[in-house]
Every structure is written in structure tokens, then in C-alpha cells.
Amino acid sequence: MTERTATIERNTLETQIQVALNLDGTGASSFDIGIPFLEHMLDQVARHGLIDMEIKAIGDLHIDDHHTVEDVGITVGQALRQAVGDKKGMTRYGHAYVPLDEALSRVVVDFSGRPGLEFHCDFPRARIGSFDVDLFREFFQGLVNHAQITLHIDNLRGKNAHHIAETVFKAFGRALRMALAPDPRMQGIMPSTKGKL
């Protein structure tokens, strides 16, 4: 199978971001983003998705975290789209349910070539430490738009905001892992009746 890797650099007046992905990795990760809780969540994606992920970001954190979180999502999305290649032989769809104590979330992904996000998470508080929970949607919206995937995220239950967030990111990693896996019965075949994704 062709190596599924990508390195993307994205520079704006607000952020400078570098992302390197290996979709067939071991879950190794390295982060220098300046937002510890986001780094903790992305580590879950790497580990549970078995995706090697390296992200470096310089952003206008003196204003707030918004631009950096959104732009990391955009750049990860760009890298994911590039690394996945022509999609031939891949499973395409993935889903996962992940619990953490009282919290349970479900994530479903389709490498459809069409960006679409359904994000249904009601966090019981506005911040986890200093992290604004509104930024989770911004991260995933940026990622979805640029990876050109359809993504459904549903928190089914939970009382602890940290637990809810962690189940979402772990389930996202697991769903990615399933969708990205080669399908031995589809070698060299596009997983679409249209013949294109």
C-alpha cells in the first residue's frame, strides 16, 4: 500500500501551523500548540486512531485560543485529505462508541468528499480549566471543511465536561481508524458506486 503521510504548513496573520501525519502509524504524537487541553485531546486521537501526529503552532493566544484552535483543525483537515490519497481500497466509513465513567459519546465518519458536521454535545459548563468548550465545534468544523469528510458527533450522556470531551476525541480517533483501514476485499477499488470520492 502507498505510504499515507502528509506534511502541511499554514501561515496567516493570526497563526503559523505545521502538521505532519502518518495514517498508518503507531499513535506516536508530539505537540507544541500552547493550549494544553487541546494537546491532551489530540493525543487521544493519535493514540486511539493509531495515527502518528506532530503539530507545532504559534498563534495569537494573547487574544484568546479561538484562532489557534480553529486553524489547527483546518490544517489537520488539510493533512488528512492529502494523506488519505485516492481512497481506493479503504473502508471509508467508521464509527465508535466510547465510554468514560458516566459519559458516553458516538462518532461516525464518512470519507465522502463532502464536508458536513453534525455536532451535538451539551457541556455542563462553559470551560474545562481555561479551555472554552465552544471551541470544540470550531475545531471539528475547520477539520471537516478541509478534510472533506462527513462527521456526526453525539454525546449520548455525561455529567463531567472533561469526560464528555475525552469520549468525543477518543471516539473520533477510533472512528478514523476504522474508516482508514484497508479493506482486503476492496484492493484497488474505489469504495463508492459513483467511482469517485
N, C-alpha and C. Protein backbone atom coordinates (compact mmCIF):
# COMPACT_ATOMS: atom_id res chain seq x y z
N MET A 1 0.84 -1.19 0.00
CA MET A 1 0.00 0.00 0.00
C MET A 1 0.88 1.25 0.00
N THR A 2 0.43 2.26 -0.72
CA THR A 2 1.16 3.52 -0.79
C THR A 2 1.23 4.16 0.60
N GLU A 3 2.37 4.78 0.86
CA GLU A 3 2.54 5.45 2.15
C GLU A 3 1.54 6.58 2.29
N ARG A 4 0.80 6.59 3.39
CA ARG A 4 -0.24 7.61 3.60
C ARG A 4 0.25 8.62 4.63
N THR A 5 1.01 9.58 4.16
CA THR A 5 1.58 10.61 5.02
C THR A 5 1.35 11.98 4.40
N ALA A 6 1.43 13.00 5.22
CA ALA A 6 1.32 14.38 4.71
C ALA A 6 1.98 15.32 5.69
N THR A 7 2.56 16.38 5.16
CA THR A 7 3.07 17.48 5.96
C THR A 7 2.52 18.77 5.37
N ILE A 8 1.83 19.52 6.20
CA ILE A 8 1.18 20.76 5.76
C ILE A 8 1.66 21.92 6.63
N GLU A 9 1.94 23.04 5.99
CA GLU A 9 2.27 24.27 6.71
C GLU A 9 1.25 25.33 6.30
N ARG A 10 0.67 25.98 7.28
CA ARG A 10 -0.34 27.01 7.01
C ARG A 10 0.01 28.26 7.81
N ASN A 11 0.19 29.37 7.11
CA ASN A 11 0.58 30.62 7.76
C ASN A 11 -0.43 31.71 7.44
N THR A 12 -0.93 32.36 8.49
CA THR A 12 -1.79 33.53 8.33
C THR A 12 -1.26 34.63 9.25
N LEU A 13 -1.94 35.76 9.25
CA LEU A 13 -1.54 36.84 10.15
C LEU A 13 -1.83 36.49 11.60
N GLU A 14 -2.68 35.46 11.82
CA GLU A 14 -3.07 35.08 13.18
C GLU A 14 -2.31 33.86 13.70
N THR A 15 -1.96 32.94 12.80
CA THR A 15 -1.33 31.68 13.24
C THR A 15 -0.31 31.20 12.23
N GLN A 16 0.66 30.45 12.73
CA GLN A 16 1.61 29.71 11.89
C GLN A 16 1.58 28.27 12.39
N ILE A 17 1.17 27.35 11.53
CA ILE A 17 0.91 25.98 11.96
C ILE A 17 1.58 24.99 11.03
N GLN A 18 2.19 23.96 11.62
CA GLN A 18 2.77 22.85 10.88
C GLN A 18 2.15 21.55 11.41
N VAL A 19 1.69 20.71 10.50
CA VAL A 19 1.10 19.42 10.86
C VAL A 19 1.74 18.33 10.02
N ALA A 20 2.17 17.26 10.66
CA ALA A 20 2.67 16.07 9.97
C ALA A 20 1.86 14.87 10.45
N LEU A 21 1.32 14.09 9.50
CA LEU A 21 0.51 12.91 9.82
C LEU A 21 1.05 11.68 9.11
N ASN A 22 0.97 10.55 9.80
CA ASN A 22 1.16 9.23 9.19
C ASN A 22 -0.05 8.41 9.59
N LEU A 23 -0.93 8.14 8.61
CA LEU A 23 -2.19 7.46 8.91
C LEU A 23 -1.99 6.00 9.28
N ASP A 24 -0.84 5.46 8.99
CA ASP A 24 -0.55 4.05 9.28
C ASP A 24 0.54 3.94 10.33
N GLY A 25 0.44 4.77 11.35
CA GLY A 25 1.47 4.84 12.38
C GLY A 25 1.17 3.96 13.58
N THR A 26 1.74 4.37 14.71
CA THR A 26 1.60 3.61 15.95
C THR A 26 0.90 4.42 17.04
N GLY A 27 0.50 5.66 16.70
CA GLY A 27 -0.13 6.52 17.70
C GLY A 27 0.84 7.45 18.39
N ALA A 28 2.06 7.56 17.85
CA ALA A 28 3.05 8.47 18.43
C ALA A 28 2.63 9.91 18.14
N SER A 29 2.85 10.78 19.11
CA SER A 29 2.45 12.17 18.90
C SER A 29 3.42 13.13 19.57
N SER A 30 3.46 14.34 19.01
CA SER A 30 4.27 15.42 19.56
C SER A 30 3.54 16.73 19.30
N PHE A 31 3.32 17.51 20.35
CA PHE A 31 2.55 18.75 20.22
C PHE A 31 3.27 19.92 20.86
N ASP A 32 3.25 21.05 20.15
CA ASP A 32 3.71 22.31 20.70
C ASP A 32 2.74 23.38 20.19
N ILE A 33 1.57 23.42 20.82
CA ILE A 33 0.48 24.28 20.38
C ILE A 33 0.27 25.45 21.33
N GLY A 34 0.59 25.23 22.60
CA GLY A 34 0.38 26.28 23.59
C GLY A 34 -0.98 26.24 24.26
N ILE A 35 -1.77 25.20 23.93
CA ILE A 35 -3.08 25.02 24.56
C ILE A 35 -3.12 23.60 25.11
N PRO A 36 -2.75 23.41 26.38
CA PRO A 36 -2.56 22.07 26.92
C PRO A 36 -3.77 21.14 26.78
N PHE A 37 -4.98 21.65 26.98
CA PHE A 37 -6.13 20.74 26.91
C PHE A 37 -6.37 20.26 25.48
N LEU A 38 -6.16 21.12 24.49
CA LEU A 38 -6.27 20.69 23.10
C LEU A 38 -5.20 19.63 22.79
N GLU A 39 -4.01 19.83 23.29
CA GLU A 39 -2.95 18.84 23.08
C GLU A 39 -3.33 17.50 23.70
N HIS A 40 -3.94 17.54 24.88
CA HIS A 40 -4.39 16.32 25.56
C HIS A 40 -5.45 15.60 24.71
N MET A 41 -6.37 16.35 24.12
CA MET A 41 -7.42 15.75 23.29
C MET A 41 -6.84 15.18 22.00
N LEU A 42 -5.92 15.89 21.36
CA LEU A 42 -5.33 15.40 20.12
C LEU A 42 -4.47 14.17 20.35
N ASP A 43 -3.90 14.06 21.53
CA ASP A 43 -3.16 12.85 21.89
C ASP A 43 -4.09 11.64 21.90
N GLN A 44 -5.33 11.86 22.33
CA GLN A 44 -6.32 10.76 22.31
C GLN A 44 -6.60 10.31 20.88
N VAL A 45 -6.73 11.27 19.97
CA VAL A 45 -6.97 10.94 18.56
C VAL A 45 -5.82 10.13 17.99
N ALA A 46 -4.59 10.58 18.26
CA ALA A 46 -3.42 9.87 17.76
C ALA A 46 -3.35 8.45 18.30
N ARG A 47 -3.51 8.31 19.61
CA ARG A 47 -3.36 7.00 20.25
C ARG A 47 -4.46 6.03 19.83
N HIS A 48 -5.69 6.51 19.82
CA HIS A 48 -6.81 5.61 19.51
C HIS A 48 -6.98 5.42 18.01
N GLY A 49 -6.48 6.36 17.22
CA GLY A 49 -6.53 6.22 15.77
C GLY A 49 -5.32 5.54 15.17
N LEU A 50 -4.30 5.29 16.01
CA LEU A 50 -3.00 4.78 15.54
C LEU A 50 -2.46 5.64 14.40
N ILE A 51 -2.58 6.93 14.61
CA ILE A 51 -2.08 7.93 13.66
C ILE A 51 -0.90 8.65 14.30
N ASP A 52 0.24 8.65 13.64
CA ASP A 52 1.37 9.45 14.12
C ASP A 52 1.07 10.90 13.77
N MET A 53 1.22 11.78 14.75
CA MET A 53 0.78 13.16 14.59
C MET A 53 1.78 14.10 15.26
N GLU A 54 2.25 15.06 14.49
CA GLU A 54 3.14 16.09 15.03
C GLU A 54 2.57 17.45 14.65
N ILE A 55 2.33 18.28 15.65
CA ILE A 55 1.73 19.59 15.41
C ILE A 55 2.51 20.66 16.17
N LYS A 56 2.90 21.69 15.43
CA LYS A 56 3.52 22.87 16.03
C LYS A 56 2.69 24.07 15.62
N ALA A 57 2.38 24.92 16.59
CA ALA A 57 1.55 26.10 16.28
C ALA A 57 2.02 27.30 17.07
N ILE A 58 2.04 28.43 16.40
CA ILE A 58 2.24 29.73 17.05
C ILE A 58 1.00 30.55 16.70
N GLY A 59 0.27 30.95 17.73
CA GLY A 59 -0.96 31.70 17.47
C GLY A 59 -1.08 32.89 18.39
N ASP A 60 -2.11 33.68 18.13
CA ASP A 60 -2.34 34.91 18.91
C ASP A 60 -3.08 34.58 20.21
N LEU A 61 -2.44 33.75 21.03
CA LEU A 61 -3.05 33.30 22.28
C LEU A 61 -3.22 34.45 23.29
N HIS A 62 -2.53 35.56 23.06
CA HIS A 62 -2.71 36.73 23.94
C HIS A 62 -4.11 37.32 23.77
N ILE A 63 -4.74 37.03 22.62
CA ILE A 63 -6.13 37.47 22.40
C ILE A 63 -7.06 36.42 23.01
N ASP A 64 -7.08 35.24 22.43
CA ASP A 64 -7.71 34.07 23.04
C ASP A 64 -7.31 32.85 22.21
N ASP A 65 -7.91 31.70 22.51
CA ASP A 65 -7.50 30.45 21.85
C ASP A 65 -8.20 30.21 20.52
N HIS A 66 -9.19 31.02 20.18
CA HIS A 66 -10.08 30.72 19.07
C HIS A 66 -9.36 30.49 17.75
N HIS A 67 -8.55 31.47 17.33
CA HIS A 67 -7.89 31.36 16.03
C HIS A 67 -6.98 30.14 15.96
N THR A 68 -6.27 29.87 17.04
CA THR A 68 -5.33 28.75 17.04
C THR A 68 -6.07 27.42 16.97
N VAL A 69 -7.13 27.26 17.76
CA VAL A 69 -7.89 26.00 17.75
C VAL A 69 -8.50 25.76 16.37
N GLU A 70 -9.15 26.79 15.82
CA GLU A 70 -9.78 26.64 14.51
C GLU A 70 -8.75 26.33 13.43
N ASP A 71 -7.63 27.04 13.46
CA ASP A 71 -6.62 26.86 12.42
C ASP A 71 -5.88 25.53 12.54
N VAL A 72 -5.74 25.02 13.76
CA VAL A 72 -5.20 23.66 13.91
C VAL A 72 -6.17 22.67 13.28
N GLY A 73 -7.47 22.85 13.52
CA GLY A 73 -8.47 21.98 12.89
C GLY A 73 -8.38 22.03 11.37
N ILE A 74 -8.27 23.23 10.82
CA ILE A 74 -8.15 23.40 9.36
C ILE A 74 -6.93 22.67 8.83
N THR A 75 -5.80 22.85 9.50
CA THR A 75 -4.54 22.28 9.00
C THR A 75 -4.52 20.76 9.15
N VAL A 76 -5.06 20.24 10.25
CA VAL A 76 -5.18 18.79 10.39
C VAL A 76 -6.09 18.24 9.29
N GLY A 77 -7.17 18.95 8.99
CA GLY A 77 -8.06 18.54 7.91
C GLY A 77 -7.36 18.50 6.56
N GLN A 78 -6.56 19.52 6.28
CA GLN A 78 -5.80 19.55 5.02
C GLN A 78 -4.83 18.38 4.94
N ALA A 79 -4.16 18.10 6.06
CA ALA A 79 -3.20 16.99 6.08
C ALA A 79 -3.92 15.65 5.92
N LEU A 80 -5.06 15.50 6.56
CA LEU A 80 -5.83 14.27 6.45
C LEU A 80 -6.27 14.03 5.01
N ARG A 81 -6.75 15.07 4.37
CA ARG A 81 -7.20 14.94 2.98
C ARG A 81 -6.05 14.54 2.06
N GLN A 82 -4.90 15.16 2.27
CA GLN A 82 -3.74 14.84 1.43
C GLN A 82 -3.23 13.43 1.69
N ALA A 83 -3.14 13.06 2.97
CA ALA A 83 -2.55 11.77 3.34
C ALA A 83 -3.40 10.59 2.88
N VAL A 84 -4.72 10.76 2.84
CA VAL A 84 -5.60 9.65 2.51
C VAL A 84 -5.49 9.26 1.03
N GLY A 85 -5.02 10.18 0.20
CA GLY A 85 -4.78 9.85 -1.20
C GLY A 85 -6.06 9.63 -1.98
N ASP A 86 -6.04 8.66 -2.89
CA ASP A 86 -7.20 8.47 -3.78
C ASP A 86 -8.32 7.66 -3.14
N LYS A 87 -8.12 7.15 -1.94
CA LYS A 87 -9.12 6.43 -1.14
C LYS A 87 -9.41 5.01 -1.64
N LYS A 88 -8.76 4.59 -2.70
CA LYS A 88 -9.00 3.24 -3.20
C LYS A 88 -8.60 2.20 -2.16
N GLY A 89 -9.47 1.22 -1.95
CA GLY A 89 -9.16 0.11 -1.05
C GLY A 89 -9.39 0.38 0.42
N MET A 90 -9.83 1.58 0.77
CA MET A 90 -10.05 1.88 2.19
C MET A 90 -11.49 1.56 2.57
N THR A 91 -11.72 1.40 3.86
CA THR A 91 -13.05 1.06 4.35
C THR A 91 -14.05 2.19 4.12
N ARG A 92 -13.61 3.43 4.25
CA ARG A 92 -14.38 4.66 4.01
C ARG A 92 -15.22 5.09 5.20
N TYR A 93 -16.04 4.20 5.75
CA TYR A 93 -16.90 4.54 6.88
C TYR A 93 -16.28 4.04 8.18
N GLY A 94 -16.49 4.80 9.25
CA GLY A 94 -16.05 4.35 10.57
C GLY A 94 -16.96 4.88 11.65
N HIS A 95 -17.08 4.13 12.72
CA HIS A 95 -17.90 4.58 13.84
C HIS A 95 -17.32 4.03 15.14
N ALA A 96 -17.62 4.71 16.23
CA ALA A 96 -17.15 4.25 17.54
C ALA A 96 -18.04 4.82 18.63
N TYR A 97 -18.30 3.98 19.62
CA TYR A 97 -18.89 4.40 20.89
C TYR A 97 -17.79 4.30 21.93
N VAL A 98 -17.59 5.36 22.70
CA VAL A 98 -16.57 5.33 23.74
C VAL A 98 -17.16 5.84 25.06
N PRO A 99 -17.06 5.04 26.12
CA PRO A 99 -17.49 5.49 27.44
C PRO A 99 -16.29 5.97 28.27
N LEU A 100 -16.55 6.82 29.20
CA LEU A 100 -15.59 7.16 30.25
C LEU A 100 -16.41 7.45 31.49
N ASP A 101 -16.42 6.50 32.42
CA ASP A 101 -17.26 6.60 33.61
C ASP A 101 -18.71 6.86 33.20
N GLU A 102 -19.27 8.00 33.58
CA GLU A 102 -20.70 8.27 33.31
C GLU A 102 -20.95 8.79 31.89
N ALA A 103 -19.89 9.15 31.18
CA ALA A 103 -20.04 9.78 29.86
C ALA A 103 -19.97 8.73 28.75
N LEU A 104 -20.74 8.98 27.68
CA LEU A 104 -20.74 8.09 26.51
C LEU A 104 -20.96 8.94 25.27
N SER A 105 -20.07 8.77 24.28
CA SER A 105 -20.21 9.50 23.02
C SER A 105 -20.09 8.55 21.84
N ARG A 106 -20.75 8.97 20.76
CA ARG A 106 -20.71 8.22 19.50
C ARG A 106 -20.21 9.15 18.40
N VAL A 107 -19.26 8.64 17.60
CA VAL A 107 -18.75 9.40 16.46
C VAL A 107 -18.83 8.51 15.23
N VAL A 108 -19.37 9.06 14.14
CA VAL A 108 -19.48 8.36 12.86
C VAL A 108 -18.85 9.23 11.79
N VAL A 109 -17.99 8.63 10.96
CA VAL A 109 -17.27 9.38 9.92
C VAL A 109 -17.42 8.70 8.57
N ASP A 110 -17.49 9.53 7.54
CA ASP A 110 -17.54 9.05 6.16
C ASP A 110 -16.58 9.91 5.34
N PHE A 111 -15.61 9.26 4.70
CA PHE A 111 -14.68 9.96 3.81
C PHE A 111 -15.39 10.16 2.46
N SER A 112 -16.40 11.00 2.50
CA SER A 112 -17.37 11.14 1.42
C SER A 112 -16.92 12.09 0.32
N GLY A 113 -15.94 12.95 0.63
CA GLY A 113 -15.60 14.03 -0.29
C GLY A 113 -16.51 15.23 -0.14
N ARG A 114 -17.45 15.15 0.80
CA ARG A 114 -18.39 16.25 1.06
C ARG A 114 -18.29 16.66 2.52
N PRO A 115 -17.97 17.93 2.77
CA PRO A 115 -17.88 18.38 4.16
C PRO A 115 -19.24 18.51 4.81
N GLY A 116 -19.42 17.89 5.97
CA GLY A 116 -20.66 18.02 6.72
C GLY A 116 -20.41 17.67 8.18
N LEU A 117 -20.87 18.54 9.07
CA LEU A 117 -20.69 18.31 10.50
C LEU A 117 -22.03 18.38 11.21
N GLU A 118 -22.31 17.34 11.99
CA GLU A 118 -23.41 17.36 12.96
C GLU A 118 -22.76 17.18 14.33
N PHE A 119 -22.83 18.23 15.14
CA PHE A 119 -22.14 18.24 16.44
C PHE A 119 -23.18 18.47 17.53
N HIS A 120 -23.43 17.43 18.32
CA HIS A 120 -24.46 17.50 19.35
C HIS A 120 -23.88 17.13 20.71
N CYS A 121 -23.33 18.13 21.36
CA CYS A 121 -22.73 17.96 22.69
C CYS A 121 -23.15 19.14 23.56
N ASP A 122 -23.82 18.85 24.63
CA ASP A 122 -24.19 19.88 25.59
C ASP A 122 -23.30 19.74 26.82
N PHE A 123 -22.33 20.63 26.90
CA PHE A 123 -21.40 20.58 28.03
C PHE A 123 -22.02 21.24 29.26
N PRO A 124 -21.83 20.65 30.43
CA PRO A 124 -22.46 21.19 31.63
C PRO A 124 -21.80 22.47 32.15
N ARG A 125 -20.66 22.83 31.61
CA ARG A 125 -20.06 24.10 31.98
C ARG A 125 -19.33 24.69 30.77
N ALA A 126 -19.04 25.97 30.84
CA ALA A 126 -18.51 26.70 29.68
C ALA A 126 -17.01 26.48 29.48
N ARG A 127 -16.32 26.09 30.53
CA ARG A 127 -14.86 25.93 30.42
C ARG A 127 -14.42 24.64 31.10
N ILE A 128 -13.40 24.04 30.51
CA ILE A 128 -12.69 22.92 31.15
C ILE A 128 -11.31 23.48 31.48
N GLY A 129 -11.08 23.76 32.75
CA GLY A 129 -9.90 24.55 33.11
C GLY A 129 -10.07 25.92 32.47
N SER A 130 -9.12 26.30 31.62
CA SER A 130 -9.21 27.59 30.92
C SER A 130 -9.71 27.42 29.49
N PHE A 131 -10.03 26.18 29.09
CA PHE A 131 -10.41 25.92 27.70
C PHE A 131 -11.91 26.15 27.48
N ASP A 132 -12.24 26.98 26.50
CA ASP A 132 -13.62 27.31 26.16
C ASP A 132 -14.23 26.16 25.35
N VAL A 133 -15.27 25.51 25.88
CA VAL A 133 -15.85 24.34 25.22
C VAL A 133 -16.48 24.67 23.87
N ASP A 134 -16.82 25.94 23.60
CA ASP A 134 -17.35 26.33 22.29
C ASP A 134 -16.34 26.04 21.17
N LEU A 135 -15.07 25.99 21.53
CA LEU A 135 -14.03 25.82 20.52
C LEU A 135 -13.94 24.39 19.98
N PHE A 136 -14.56 23.43 20.66
CA PHE A 136 -14.57 22.07 20.12
C PHE A 136 -15.29 22.04 18.77
N ARG A 137 -16.43 22.69 18.68
CA ARG A 137 -17.15 22.75 17.41
C ARG A 137 -16.31 23.45 16.34
N GLU A 138 -15.64 24.53 16.72
CA GLU A 138 -14.81 25.26 15.76
C GLU A 138 -13.68 24.38 15.23
N PHE A 139 -13.08 23.59 16.11
CA PHE A 139 -12.02 22.67 15.69
C PHE A 139 -12.55 21.68 14.67
N PHE A 140 -13.66 21.03 15.00
CA PHE A 140 -14.19 19.99 14.11
C PHE A 140 -14.75 20.58 12.82
N GLN A 141 -15.32 21.79 12.88
CA GLN A 141 -15.82 22.41 11.65
C GLN A 141 -14.68 22.71 10.70
N GLY A 142 -13.59 23.25 11.21
CA GLY A 142 -12.42 23.51 10.37
C GLY A 142 -11.86 22.23 9.78
N LEU A 143 -11.78 21.18 10.59
CA LEU A 143 -11.25 19.90 10.13
C LEU A 143 -12.14 19.31 9.03
N VAL A 144 -13.44 19.27 9.28
CA VAL A 144 -14.40 18.69 8.33
C VAL A 144 -14.36 19.43 6.99
N ASN A 145 -14.35 20.76 7.04
CA ASN A 145 -14.37 21.56 5.81
C ASN A 145 -13.18 21.24 4.91
N HIS A 146 -12.03 21.01 5.52
CA HIS A 146 -10.81 20.85 4.73
C HIS A 146 -10.43 19.40 4.49
N ALA A 147 -10.87 18.49 5.34
CA ALA A 147 -10.67 17.06 5.07
C ALA A 147 -11.72 16.56 4.09
N GLN A 148 -12.80 17.31 3.95
CA GLN A 148 -13.95 16.94 3.10
C GLN A 148 -14.51 15.58 3.52
N ILE A 149 -14.86 15.53 4.80
CA ILE A 149 -15.49 14.34 5.37
C ILE A 149 -16.85 14.72 5.95
N THR A 150 -17.70 13.73 6.10
CA THR A 150 -18.95 13.89 6.83
C THR A 150 -18.72 13.33 8.23
N LEU A 151 -19.07 14.10 9.25
CA LEU A 151 -18.77 13.73 10.63
C LEU A 151 -19.98 13.99 11.52
N HIS A 152 -20.43 12.95 12.20
CA HIS A 152 -21.52 13.07 13.17
C HIS A 152 -20.97 12.78 14.56
N ILE A 153 -21.11 13.74 15.45
CA ILE A 153 -20.62 13.62 16.82
C ILE A 153 -21.80 13.80 17.76
N ASP A 154 -22.07 12.79 18.57
CA ASP A 154 -23.17 12.86 19.53
C ASP A 154 -22.68 12.43 20.91
N ASN A 155 -22.81 13.34 21.87
CA ASN A 155 -22.62 12.92 23.25
C ASN A 155 -23.97 12.39 23.74
N LEU A 156 -24.01 11.12 24.11
CA LEU A 156 -25.26 10.46 24.47
C LEU A 156 -25.62 10.66 25.93
N ARG A 157 -24.59 10.75 26.77
CA ARG A 157 -24.84 11.09 28.18
C ARG A 157 -23.52 11.52 28.81
N GLY A 158 -23.64 12.20 29.93
CA GLY A 158 -22.44 12.64 30.64
C GLY A 158 -22.74 13.82 31.54
N LYS A 159 -22.01 13.90 32.64
CA LYS A 159 -22.16 15.00 33.59
C LYS A 159 -20.88 15.79 33.77
N ASN A 160 -19.76 15.12 33.53
CA ASN A 160 -18.45 15.75 33.72
C ASN A 160 -17.94 16.22 32.35
N ALA A 161 -17.69 17.53 32.21
CA ALA A 161 -17.31 18.11 30.92
C ALA A 161 -16.01 17.51 30.38
N HIS A 162 -15.05 17.26 31.27
CA HIS A 162 -13.79 16.66 30.84
C HIS A 162 -14.04 15.26 30.27
N HIS A 163 -14.86 14.48 30.96
CA HIS A 163 -15.18 13.14 30.49
C HIS A 163 -15.88 13.18 29.13
N ILE A 164 -16.80 14.11 28.97
CA ILE A 164 -17.53 14.23 27.70
C ILE A 164 -16.55 14.52 26.56
N ALA A 165 -15.69 15.51 26.77
CA ALA A 165 -14.72 15.88 25.73
C ALA A 165 -13.82 14.70 25.39
N GLU A 166 -13.36 14.01 26.41
CA GLU A 166 -12.44 12.89 26.17
C GLU A 166 -13.11 11.76 25.40
N THR A 167 -14.38 11.47 25.70
CA THR A 167 -15.07 10.41 24.95
C THR A 167 -15.24 10.82 23.50
N VAL A 168 -15.47 12.10 23.22
CA VAL A 168 -15.62 12.56 21.85
C VAL A 168 -14.33 12.37 21.06
N PHE A 169 -13.21 12.79 21.63
CA PHE A 169 -11.95 12.72 20.89
C PHE A 169 -11.44 11.29 20.76
N LYS A 170 -11.65 10.47 21.80
CA LYS A 170 -11.27 9.06 21.69
C LYS A 170 -12.12 8.37 20.62
N ALA A 171 -13.42 8.64 20.62
CA ALA A 171 -14.31 8.03 19.63
C ALA A 171 -13.96 8.52 18.23
N PHE A 172 -13.58 9.77 18.09
CA PHE A 172 -13.15 10.29 16.79
C PHE A 172 -11.93 9.53 16.29
N GLY A 173 -10.95 9.31 17.17
CA GLY A 173 -9.77 8.55 16.79
C GLY A 173 -10.13 7.13 16.37
N ARG A 174 -10.99 6.48 17.13
CA ARG A 174 -11.41 5.10 16.82
C ARG A 174 -12.19 5.02 15.51
N ALA A 175 -13.06 6.01 15.27
CA ALA A 175 -13.83 6.03 14.03
C ALA A 175 -12.91 6.25 12.83
N LEU A 176 -11.95 7.15 12.97
CA LEU A 176 -10.95 7.35 11.92
C LEU A 176 -10.20 6.07 11.62
N ARG A 177 -9.77 5.40 12.67
CA ARG A 177 -9.02 4.15 12.50
C ARG A 177 -9.81 3.14 11.68
N MET A 178 -11.09 3.00 11.97
CA MET A 178 -11.93 2.06 11.23
C MET A 178 -12.08 2.49 9.77
N ALA A 179 -12.37 3.78 9.55
CA ALA A 179 -12.60 4.27 8.19
C ALA A 179 -11.35 4.20 7.33
N LEU A 180 -10.20 4.44 7.93
CA LEU A 180 -8.94 4.48 7.19
C LEU A 180 -8.36 3.09 6.93
N ALA A 181 -8.87 2.09 7.61
CA ALA A 181 -8.31 0.74 7.49
C ALA A 181 -8.49 0.21 6.07
N PRO A 182 -7.48 -0.46 5.53
CA PRO A 182 -7.64 -1.09 4.23
C PRO A 182 -8.67 -2.22 4.31
N ASP A 183 -9.51 -2.32 3.29
CA ASP A 183 -10.48 -3.40 3.18
C ASP A 183 -9.88 -4.44 2.23
N PRO A 184 -9.51 -5.63 2.74
CA PRO A 184 -8.83 -6.61 1.89
C PRO A 184 -9.65 -7.05 0.69
N ARG A 185 -10.96 -6.87 0.74
CA ARG A 185 -11.81 -7.27 -0.39
C ARG A 185 -12.00 -6.13 -1.40
N MET A 186 -11.41 -4.97 -1.10
CA MET A 186 -11.59 -3.80 -1.97
C MET A 186 -10.26 -3.28 -2.51
N GLN A 187 -9.25 -4.12 -2.61
CA GLN A 187 -7.94 -3.67 -3.05
C GLN A 187 -8.01 -3.02 -4.43
N GLY A 188 -7.57 -1.76 -4.48
CA GLY A 188 -7.56 -1.03 -5.73
C GLY A 188 -8.92 -0.56 -6.20
N ILE A 189 -9.95 -0.74 -5.38
CA ILE A 189 -11.31 -0.38 -5.78
C ILE A 189 -11.76 0.86 -5.00
N MET A 190 -12.42 1.78 -5.69
CA MET A 190 -12.96 2.96 -5.04
C MET A 190 -14.23 2.58 -4.27
N PRO A 191 -14.29 2.89 -2.98
CA PRO A 191 -15.46 2.49 -2.17
C PRO A 191 -16.66 3.40 -2.39
N SER A 192 -17.12 3.48 -3.63
CA SER A 192 -18.25 4.32 -3.98
C SER A 192 -18.88 3.81 -5.25
N THR A 193 -20.21 3.82 -5.31
CA THR A 193 -20.91 3.41 -6.54
C THR A 193 -20.73 4.45 -7.64
N LYS A 194 -20.33 5.69 -7.24
CA LYS A 194 -20.10 6.74 -8.24
C LYS A 194 -18.74 6.59 -8.92
N GLY A 195 -17.84 5.80 -8.28
CA GLY A 195 -16.50 5.65 -8.82
C GLY A 195 -15.55 6.76 -8.46
N LYS A 196 -16.02 7.70 -7.63
CA LYS A 196 -15.19 8.83 -7.24
C LYS A 196 -15.65 9.34 -5.89
N LEU A 197 -14.68 9.73 -5.06
CA LEU A 197 -15.00 10.34 -3.76
C LEU A 197 -14.24 11.67 -3.65
